[in-house]
Protein backbone atom coordinates (compact mmCIF):
# COMPACT_ATOMS: atom_id res chain seq x y z
CA UNK A 1 -17.99 -0.92 27.83
CA UNK A 2 -17.97 0.98 25.04
CA UNK A 3 -20.47 3.61 24.58
CA UNK A 4 -22.34 4.30 21.48
CA UNK A 5 -21.35 8.02 21.34
CA UNK A 6 -17.07 6.56 21.51
CA UNK A 7 -17.99 3.51 19.47
CA UNK A 8 -18.14 2.95 15.64
CA UNK A 9 -21.78 3.60 15.06
CA UNK A 10 -21.39 7.39 15.98
CA UNK A 11 -18.05 7.34 13.76
CA UNK A 12 -20.05 5.73 10.61
CA UNK A 13 -22.54 8.33 11.47
CA UNK A 14 -20.39 11.38 11.32
CA UNK A 15 -18.82 10.05 8.30
CA UNK A 16 -22.01 9.87 6.75
CA UNK A 17 -22.20 13.24 7.75
CA UNK A 18 -18.92 14.05 5.25
CA UNK A 19 -20.57 12.13 2.65
CA UNK A 20 -23.46 14.62 1.92
CA UNK A 21 -21.21 17.38 2.40
CA UNK A 22 -18.70 16.65 -0.10
CA UNK A 23 -20.01 13.53 -2.17
CA UNK A 24 -19.70 9.75 -2.05
CA UNK A 25 -17.58 9.75 -5.15
CA UNK A 26 -14.79 11.14 -3.72
CA UNK A 27 -14.63 8.46 -0.89
CA UNK A 28 -14.84 5.45 -3.64
CA UNK A 29 -12.44 7.45 -5.37
CA UNK A 30 -9.68 7.28 -2.44
CA UNK A 31 -10.87 3.78 -1.80
CA UNK A 32 -10.28 2.85 -5.57
CA UNK A 33 -6.40 4.57 -5.11
CA UNK A 34 -5.36 2.61 -2.13
CA UNK A 35 -6.86 -0.16 -3.38
CA UNK A 36 -4.73 -0.04 -6.65
CA UNK A 37 -1.85 0.96 -4.68
CA UNK A 38 -2.28 -2.05 -2.80
CA UNK A 39 -2.66 -4.61 -5.30
CA UNK A 40 0.12 -3.67 -7.58
CA UNK A 41 2.53 -3.57 -4.33
CA UNK A 42 1.24 -7.23 -4.18
CA UNK A 43 1.52 -7.99 -7.43
CA UNK A 44 4.87 -7.01 -7.91
CA UNK A 45 6.37 -8.41 -4.47
CA UNK A 46 5.01 -11.30 -5.99
CA UNK A 47 6.77 -11.05 -9.04
CA UNK A 48 10.23 -10.84 -7.34
CA UNK A 49 9.42 -13.73 -5.15
CA UNK A 50 8.61 -15.60 -8.65
CA UNK A 51 12.53 -14.39 -9.94
CA UNK A 52 13.82 -15.49 -6.51
CA UNK A 53 12.61 -19.08 -6.49
CA UNK A 54 13.50 -19.16 -10.73
CA UNK A 55 16.96 -18.64 -10.16
CA UNK A 56 17.42 -21.04 -7.42
CA UNK A 57 15.62 -23.52 -9.19
CA UNK A 58 18.42 -23.01 -12.05
CA UNK A 59 21.57 -22.79 -9.55
CA UNK A 60 20.36 -23.44 -5.67
CA UNK A 61 21.45 -27.00 -4.10
CA UNK A 62 19.70 -29.06 -1.18
CA UNK A 63 19.72 -27.07 1.58
CA UNK A 64 21.55 -28.61 4.95
CA UNK A 65 22.71 -31.80 2.50
CA UNK A 66 25.20 -29.88 -0.07
CA UNK A 67 27.88 -27.21 0.50
CA UNK A 68 26.71 -23.84 -0.39
CA UNK A 69 28.79 -22.95 -3.79
CA UNK A 70 31.20 -19.82 -3.47
CA UNK A 71 29.76 -16.17 -4.03
CA UNK A 72 29.32 -15.77 -7.50
CA UNK A 73 32.60 -13.27 -8.19
CA UNK A 74 31.02 -10.89 -10.80
CA UNK A 75 28.21 -8.52 -9.83
CA UNK A 76 26.47 -7.99 -6.36
CA UNK A 77 24.68 -11.43 -4.79
CA UNK A 78 22.97 -12.61 -1.71
CA UNK A 79 22.26 -15.71 -0.19
CA UNK A 80 18.71 -17.18 -0.35
CA UNK A 81 16.39 -19.72 0.79
CA UNK A 82 13.35 -21.02 -0.18
CA UNK A 83 11.16 -24.29 0.34
CA UNK A 84 9.88 -26.20 -2.74
CA UNK A 85 6.38 -28.13 -2.37
CA UNK A 86 4.84 -30.02 -4.51
CA UNK A 87 2.89 -33.90 -5.55
CA UNK A 88 5.21 -36.19 -7.46
CA UNK A 89 4.50 -39.82 -9.05
CA UNK A 90 7.45 -41.60 -7.53
CA UNK A 91 9.68 -40.67 -4.91
CA UNK A 92 12.86 -39.12 -7.08
CA UNK A 93 16.13 -37.78 -5.30
CA UNK A 94 16.83 -33.83 -4.98
CA UNK A 95 18.63 -33.97 -8.66
CA UNK A 96 15.83 -35.54 -10.47
CA UNK A 97 13.48 -33.00 -8.70
CA UNK A 98 15.25 -30.16 -9.84
CA UNK A 99 16.31 -31.33 -13.32
CA UNK A 100 12.50 -31.85 -13.17
CA UNK A 101 12.04 -27.55 -12.11
CA UNK A 102 10.65 -28.49 -8.97
CA UNK A 103 6.55 -30.00 -10.70
CA UNK A 104 3.93 -28.55 -8.00
CA UNK A 105 1.68 -31.13 -9.04
CA UNK A 106 2.02 -34.45 -10.81
CA UNK A 107 -0.26 -36.44 -8.66
CA UNK A 108 1.11 -38.79 -5.76
CA UNK A 109 3.17 -38.85 -3.22
CA UNK A 110 4.07 -34.89 -1.50
CA UNK A 111 7.63 -33.70 -1.41
CA UNK A 112 8.89 -30.57 0.80
CA UNK A 113 12.55 -29.36 -0.10
CA UNK A 114 14.99 -26.51 1.13
CA UNK A 115 16.69 -24.70 -1.19
CA UNK A 116 19.61 -22.29 -0.65
CA UNK A 117 21.57 -20.41 -3.18
CA UNK A 118 22.52 -16.93 -4.92
CA UNK A 119 20.42 -14.24 -6.23
CA UNK A 120 21.12 -11.21 -7.73
CA UNK A 121 21.23 -8.65 -5.09
CA UNK A 122 18.70 -6.50 -7.09
CA UNK A 123 16.31 -9.51 -5.86
CA UNK A 124 16.79 -9.17 -2.15
CA UNK A 125 13.73 -9.03 -0.03
CA UNK A 126 14.73 -5.84 0.92
CA UNK A 127 13.94 -3.85 -2.20
CA UNK A 128 10.27 -5.59 -2.11
CA UNK A 129 7.52 -3.20 -2.56
CA UNK A 130 6.05 -3.24 1.40
CA UNK A 131 2.29 -3.95 1.76
CA UNK A 132 0.71 -3.10 5.20
CA UNK A 133 -2.44 -3.78 6.61
CA UNK A 134 -4.55 0.19 7.30
CA UNK A 135 -5.76 -1.74 10.50
CA UNK A 136 -5.18 -2.04 13.09
CA UNK A 137 -3.82 1.43 12.16
CA UNK A 138 -0.09 1.10 12.00
CA UNK A 139 2.52 3.41 13.60
CA UNK A 140 3.97 4.70 10.32
CA UNK A 141 0.94 6.92 9.57
CA UNK A 142 -1.66 6.83 6.82
CA UNK A 143 -2.08 9.11 3.45
CA UNK A 144 -5.06 11.12 3.10
CA UNK A 145 -6.64 8.22 0.94
CA UNK A 146 -5.70 5.98 3.31
CA UNK A 147 -7.63 7.50 6.08
CA UNK A 148 -10.56 8.10 3.82
CA UNK A 149 -10.05 3.91 2.80
CA UNK A 150 -10.58 3.59 6.79
CA UNK A 151 -13.14 5.69 7.10
CA UNK A 152 -15.12 4.30 4.59
CA UNK A 153 -14.57 0.65 5.70
CA UNK A 154 -15.89 1.97 8.98
CA UNK A 155 -19.19 3.29 7.48
CA UNK A 156 -19.85 0.32 5.24
CA UNK A 157 -19.10 -1.75 8.57
CA UNK A 158 -21.55 0.02 10.78
CA UNK A 159 -23.63 2.05 9.13
CA UNK A 160 -27.12 0.74 8.14
CA UNK A 161 -29.54 2.07 5.79
CA UNK A 162 -27.07 3.99 4.25
CA UNK A 163 -25.80 3.53 0.52
CA UNK A 164 -22.50 1.76 0.79
CA UNK A 165 -19.56 3.38 -0.15
CA UNK A 166 -18.09 -0.04 -1.64
CA UNK A 167 -16.94 1.25 -5.12
CA UNK A 168 -17.58 -2.66 -6.28
CA UNK A 169 -20.88 -3.14 -5.19
CA UNK A 170 -22.06 -4.80 -2.17
CA UNK A 171 -22.88 -9.04 -1.78
CA UNK A 172 -25.94 -10.95 -3.14
CA UNK A 173 -26.14 -12.22 0.45
CA UNK A 174 -25.27 -9.54 2.99
CA UNK A 175 -24.84 -5.54 2.74
CA UNK A 176 -21.04 -6.13 3.07
CA UNK A 177 -18.65 -5.00 0.27
CA UNK A 178 -18.49 -7.68 -2.44
CA UNK A 179 -15.35 -9.45 -2.71
CA UNK A 180 -15.39 -11.29 -5.81
CA UNK A 181 -17.63 -9.14 -7.78
CA UNK A 182 -19.63 -11.17 -10.96
CA UNK A 183 -18.34 -10.64 -13.98
CA UNK A 184 -15.43 -8.44 -12.94
CA UNK A 185 -11.47 -8.80 -14.19
CA UNK A 186 -9.40 -10.59 -12.22
CA UNK A 187 -7.53 -7.14 -11.07
CA UNK A 188 -10.81 -5.78 -9.91
CA UNK A 189 -11.95 -8.71 -7.93
CA UNK A 190 -8.20 -8.35 -6.14
CA UNK A 191 -9.25 -4.68 -5.18
CA UNK A 192 -12.49 -5.48 -4.17
CA UNK A 193 -11.12 -8.57 -2.13
CA UNK A 194 -8.47 -6.29 -0.55
CA UNK A 195 -11.51 -3.74 0.76
CA UNK A 196 -13.88 -6.60 1.59
CA UNK A 197 -11.17 -7.55 4.08
CA UNK A 198 -10.73 -3.99 5.18
CA UNK A 199 -14.33 -3.89 5.69
CA UNK A 200 -14.42 -6.94 7.95
CA UNK A 201 -11.61 -5.82 10.13
CA UNK A 202 -13.73 -2.80 10.65
CA UNK A 203 -15.93 -4.37 12.16
CA UNK A 204 -13.92 -5.58 15.11
CA UNK A 205 -12.10 -1.55 15.25
CA UNK A 206 -10.65 -0.83 18.68
CA UNK A 207 -11.75 1.75 20.62
CA UNK A 208 -7.57 3.69 20.44
CA UNK A 209 -8.36 3.06 16.64
CA UNK A 210 -12.00 5.04 16.69
CA UNK A 211 -9.83 8.02 18.58
CA UNK A 212 -7.29 8.12 15.62
CA UNK A 213 -9.61 7.75 13.07
CA UNK A 214 -12.25 10.85 14.74
CA UNK A 215 -9.59 13.07 14.45
CA UNK A 216 -9.68 12.64 10.50
CA UNK A 217 -13.54 13.73 10.87
CA UNK A 218 -12.41 17.15 11.67
CA UNK A 219 -9.26 17.46 9.57
CA UNK A 220 -11.33 16.05 6.41
CA UNK A 221 -13.99 19.20 7.40
CA UNK A 222 -11.57 21.51 8.19
CA UNK A 223 -9.95 20.95 4.48
CA UNK A 224 -12.55 19.05 2.17
CA UNK A 225 -11.27 16.55 0.26
CA UNK A 226 -10.67 17.33 -3.39
CA UNK A 227 -11.98 14.71 -6.02
CA UNK A 228 -9.68 12.97 -8.15
CA UNK A 229 -7.68 14.92 -10.67
CA UNK A 230 -8.15 18.27 -8.89
CA UNK A 231 -5.54 20.78 -9.08
CA UNK A 232 -4.44 22.37 -5.73
CA UNK A 233 -3.10 26.26 -6.06
CA UNK A 234 -1.67 28.12 -4.11
CA UNK A 235 1.94 28.44 -2.41
CA UNK A 236 2.55 26.14 -0.02
CA UNK A 237 5.56 24.68 2.48
CA UNK A 238 6.11 21.90 4.76
CA UNK A 239 3.75 19.02 5.27
CA UNK A 240 1.19 21.14 3.56
CA UNK A 241 2.91 20.92 0.22
CA UNK A 242 3.69 16.91 0.78
CA UNK A 243 0.19 16.18 1.34
CA UNK A 244 -0.72 18.32 -1.74
CA UNK A 245 1.70 16.76 -3.78
CA UNK A 246 0.77 13.31 -2.89
CA UNK A 247 3.86 12.11 -1.16
CA UNK A 248 4.05 9.27 0.66
CA UNK A 249 4.73 10.37 4.76
CA UNK A 250 7.52 7.61 4.85
CA UNK A 251 9.21 9.53 1.74
CA UNK A 252 8.66 13.35 3.15
CA UNK A 253 12.40 13.38 4.65
CA UNK A 254 14.20 12.06 1.54
CA UNK A 255 11.31 14.22 -1.28
CA UNK A 256 12.31 17.06 1.27
CA UNK A 257 16.00 16.20 1.53
CA UNK A 258 15.52 16.47 -2.92
CA UNK A 259 13.65 19.40 -3.13
CA UNK A 260 16.33 21.72 -1.10
CA UNK A 261 19.13 19.95 -3.40
CA UNK A 262 16.82 21.16 -6.69
CA UNK A 263 14.95 24.32 -5.48
CA UNK A 264 17.19 26.72 -7.74
CA UNK A 265 16.36 24.44 -11.15
CA UNK A 266 12.42 24.76 -10.34
CA UNK A 267 12.66 28.34 -11.55
CA UNK A 268 12.39 31.90 -9.55
CA UNK A 269 8.18 31.96 -10.27
CA UNK A 270 7.84 28.62 -8.04
CA UNK A 271 8.97 29.28 -5.30
CA UNK A 272 10.30 32.23 -2.94
CA UNK A 273 11.84 32.91 0.81
CA UNK A 274 9.42 33.85 3.58
CA UNK A 275 10.95 37.03 5.66
CA UNK A 276 11.39 36.10 9.03
CA UNK A 277 9.01 32.88 9.11
CA UNK A 278 7.08 31.98 12.55
CA UNK A 279 8.60 29.50 14.38
CA UNK A 280 8.35 25.80 13.44
CA UNK A 281 6.94 27.19 9.85
CA UNK A 282 8.38 26.20 6.52
CA UNK A 283 10.83 28.62 5.44
CA UNK A 284 10.27 28.38 1.73
CA UNK A 285 7.05 28.00 0.13
CA UNK A 286 6.18 26.61 -3.66
CA UNK A 287 4.07 26.92 -6.17
CA UNK A 288 2.14 23.26 -5.56
CA UNK A 289 0.94 23.67 -9.55
CA UNK A 290 4.05 23.83 -10.95
CA UNK A 291 4.97 20.94 -13.53
CA UNK A 292 8.20 20.89 -12.37
CA UNK A 293 8.02 20.44 -8.74
CA UNK A 294 4.96 17.75 -9.42
CA UNK A 295 7.34 16.06 -11.51
CA UNK A 296 9.81 16.23 -8.91
CA UNK A 297 7.38 14.67 -6.30
CA UNK A 298 6.16 11.77 -8.70
CA UNK A 299 8.72 9.12 -7.48
CA UNK A 300 7.98 9.98 -3.52
CA UNK A 301 4.15 9.02 -4.11
CA UNK A 302 5.03 5.33 -3.05
CA UNK A 303 5.83 3.65 0.05
CA UNK A 304 10.04 3.85 0.87
CA UNK A 305 10.79 0.22 0.47
CA UNK A 306 11.65 -1.93 4.01
């Protein structure tokens, strides 16, 4: 049986201590940032799925009932199958459904058909932005804002009596973060719902995830969180540099390879080589507040496509 000392309540108490040290708005800023990234990724994923379905509506055939046309010769294409569902007044055949654009609701009988065809390769699901659950904690690792968002959810799920971090307020019927704040824009409701779900997941956090998250507390205390828009200065290298620039863990290998190719273009005042570096220490250090370096890092702040 899990002891209170090792449980989520103790971890929530420790988070409350960090909040008193750095301020609750720092935590709220991190939650807002991660929620916005998640919503934006999901919206882009949905947009790409709609584009795939629109292409099949035009050129697709009834899967398993008609021969798949040959792959178009011009351009790059990939095979795709999608299921269309809806209600129609009568029981039309496939050709009639296709001509009508696969209506979703006209009342009457239900239908379900699988449609296959060719879609442009740029619409392949391989190019969809990945969306991840933060709990259970994934093996890919989390960014610093994602870690703070998880700690925020643990705090709000298990800390009683303290002000909630919940950037979008709490529910009228409970002390849980609100899932749909009144009078909020749809985009803000989506972010609030994401955090509400994360907090519910934090209620059932495992002992393994508690151990991982406890280490983050020590790291935050050792290197206090910077507020939104704060500048990191000085010369840094390796993981410290990537963290300061906001490079996503899944993109750091690609970022450092690009940095190695572009180092000279940054200018002599932006980097220097370390003489006789210690084992496992970076050989080159870079000025973290360099505009050129920040511009170079910008494309690597989002997750690597799956």
